Amino acid sequence: MSIQRFHTGPRMSQMVVHNDTVYLAGQVAEFGAGEMVAEVEAQTAQILRQIDALLAEAGTDKSKLLSATIYLADIATFGQMNKAWEAWVDTRNPPARATVEAKLAAPQYLVEIQVTAAK
C-alpha cells in the first residue's frame, strides 16, 4: 500500500496520493499581506489554478477528476462560481460534483474547493 503526502503541515497535507488516487485538501484563495480578492469568480479562478498545479505535481490533470465538492460562503454566488468553473472544467470529462453553502474558516474566503482525481 503506497501513500504519499505533499505539502504537509502539523494539521494536514495539501495532497495525499494513495495508489492511483489523488486527494486534495480543500483549496482556498491565497492572499498577500493586506490583499483581499473580493469576488467569488476571481477566487474560484485562483483556486482552480492551484488545483491544476497540485494535480500536475501528482502526475495527473483535471481530465481525470473523479469528484469535486465546492463550498460557498453565500449560495447566492453560485452563478459567479460557475462562470469560472465552466471556463475551466474539462467538459468531456466532468467530475461528480456537489455545491453547498457553508461557513468557511475566515471571512475573506468566499469559496473552498476539494477534489479527488485518478492518476
Protein backbone atom coordinates (compact mmCIF):
# COMPACT_ATOMS: atom_id res chain seq x y z
CA MET A 1 0.00 0.00 0.00
CA SER A 2 1.60 3.23 -1.19
CA ILE A 3 0.74 6.57 0.45
CA GLN A 4 2.50 9.84 -0.41
CA ARG A 5 1.79 13.13 1.36
CA PHE A 6 2.60 16.53 -0.16
CA HIS A 7 2.92 19.96 1.44
CA THR A 8 2.40 18.54 4.90
CA GLY A 9 1.99 20.70 7.97
CA PRO A 10 1.18 19.96 11.60
CA ARG A 11 -2.57 19.84 10.89
CA MET A 12 -2.93 18.44 7.37
CA SER A 13 -1.45 17.65 3.97
CA GLN A 14 -2.46 19.66 0.91
CA MET A 15 -2.45 16.46 -1.14
CA VAL A 16 -2.37 12.73 -0.46
CA VAL A 17 -1.80 10.11 -3.14
CA HIS A 18 -2.88 6.56 -2.34
CA ASN A 19 -2.19 4.01 -5.07
CA ASP A 20 -3.66 5.70 -8.18
CA THR A 21 -6.00 8.16 -6.43
CA VAL A 22 -5.15 11.78 -5.63
CA TYR A 23 -6.97 13.53 -2.77
CA LEU A 24 -6.68 17.30 -2.40
CA ALA A 25 -7.45 19.20 0.77
CA GLY A 26 -9.97 22.00 0.44
CA GLN A 27 -8.30 24.79 -1.53
CA VAL A 28 -8.95 28.47 -0.82
CA ALA A 29 -7.67 31.64 -2.45
CA GLU A 30 -4.26 32.81 -1.28
CA PHE A 31 -3.83 36.40 -0.18
CA GLY A 32 -0.75 38.56 0.21
CA ALA A 33 -0.35 40.91 3.16
CA GLY A 34 -3.28 43.31 3.17
CA GLU A 35 -4.66 41.84 -0.06
CA MET A 36 -8.22 40.61 -0.42
CA VAL A 37 -9.81 39.18 -3.54
CA ALA A 38 -13.44 40.12 -3.04
CA GLU A 39 -15.14 38.43 -5.98
CA VAL A 40 -16.25 34.82 -5.99
CA GLU A 41 -15.39 34.39 -9.67
CA ALA A 42 -11.81 35.63 -9.12
CA GLN A 43 -11.33 33.46 -6.03
CA THR A 44 -12.68 30.43 -7.89
CA ALA A 45 -10.32 31.01 -10.84
CA GLN A 46 -7.34 31.32 -8.50
CA ILE A 47 -8.31 28.13 -6.65
CA LEU A 48 -8.66 26.24 -9.93
CA ARG A 49 -5.14 27.31 -10.93
CA GLN A 50 -3.89 25.95 -7.57
CA ILE A 51 -5.73 22.69 -8.23
CA ASP A 52 -4.11 22.45 -11.69
CA ALA A 53 -0.67 22.89 -10.11
CA LEU A 54 -1.24 20.27 -7.41
CA LEU A 55 -2.67 17.74 -9.87
CA ALA A 56 0.33 18.28 -12.18
CA GLU A 57 2.66 17.69 -9.24
CA ALA A 58 0.93 14.33 -8.68
CA GLY A 59 1.22 13.44 -12.36
CA THR A 60 -2.41 13.94 -13.34
CA ASP A 61 -4.77 16.66 -14.54
CA LYS A 62 -8.36 17.91 -14.45
CA SER A 63 -9.45 15.45 -17.16
CA LYS A 64 -9.08 12.74 -14.53
CA LEU A 65 -11.18 14.39 -11.81
CA LEU A 66 -13.49 11.93 -10.09
CA SER A 67 -15.34 14.27 -7.74
CA ALA A 68 -15.46 17.85 -6.53
CA THR A 69 -17.10 19.47 -3.54
CA ILE A 70 -17.49 23.24 -3.67
CA TYR A 71 -18.25 25.23 -0.55
CA LEU A 72 -19.65 28.75 -0.96
CA ALA A 73 -19.91 31.26 1.86
CA ASP A 74 -23.09 32.51 0.15
CA ILE A 75 -25.06 30.21 -2.18
CA ALA A 76 -26.35 33.32 -3.96
CA THR A 77 -22.90 33.48 -5.61
CA PHE A 78 -23.43 30.08 -7.29
CA GLY A 79 -23.62 31.67 -10.76
CA GLN A 80 -20.38 33.62 -10.26
CA MET A 81 -18.55 30.50 -9.16
CA ASN A 82 -19.98 28.51 -12.08
CA LYS A 83 -18.73 31.10 -14.57
CA ALA A 84 -15.11 30.35 -13.55
CA TRP A 85 -15.78 26.61 -13.14
CA GLU A 86 -17.33 26.25 -16.61
CA ALA A 87 -14.41 28.09 -18.23
CA TRP A 88 -12.01 25.64 -16.52
CA VAL A 89 -13.61 22.19 -16.30
CA ASP A 90 -12.91 19.56 -18.96
CA THR A 91 -16.41 19.36 -20.45
CA ARG A 92 -15.67 15.93 -21.97
CA ASN A 93 -14.73 14.56 -18.53
CA PRO A 94 -16.66 16.46 -15.85
CA PRO A 95 -16.46 15.06 -12.30
CA ALA A 96 -19.30 14.21 -9.99
CA ARG A 97 -19.89 17.46 -8.10
CA ALA A 98 -21.71 18.89 -5.11
CA THR A 99 -22.00 22.56 -4.20
CA VAL A 100 -23.13 23.66 -0.75
CA GLU A 101 -23.31 26.80 1.33
CA ALA A 102 -21.04 26.69 4.36
CA LYS A 103 -19.42 29.00 6.88
CA LEU A 104 -15.77 28.98 5.83
CA ALA A 105 -12.68 29.30 8.04
CA ALA A 106 -12.28 33.08 7.67
CA PRO A 107 -14.47 35.86 6.25
CA GLN A 108 -12.15 36.60 3.32
CA TYR A 109 -12.71 33.09 1.98
CA LEU A 110 -15.76 33.05 -0.28
CA VAL A 111 -15.07 29.69 -1.95
CA GLU A 112 -13.37 26.44 -0.99
CA ILE A 113 -12.96 23.53 -3.42
CA GLN A 114 -11.93 19.95 -2.64
CA VAL A 115 -11.30 17.43 -5.42
CA THR A 116 -10.35 13.79 -5.88
CA ALA A 117 -8.71 12.56 -9.09
CA ALA A 118 -7.32 9.42 -10.65
CA LYS A 119 -3.65 9.35 -11.70
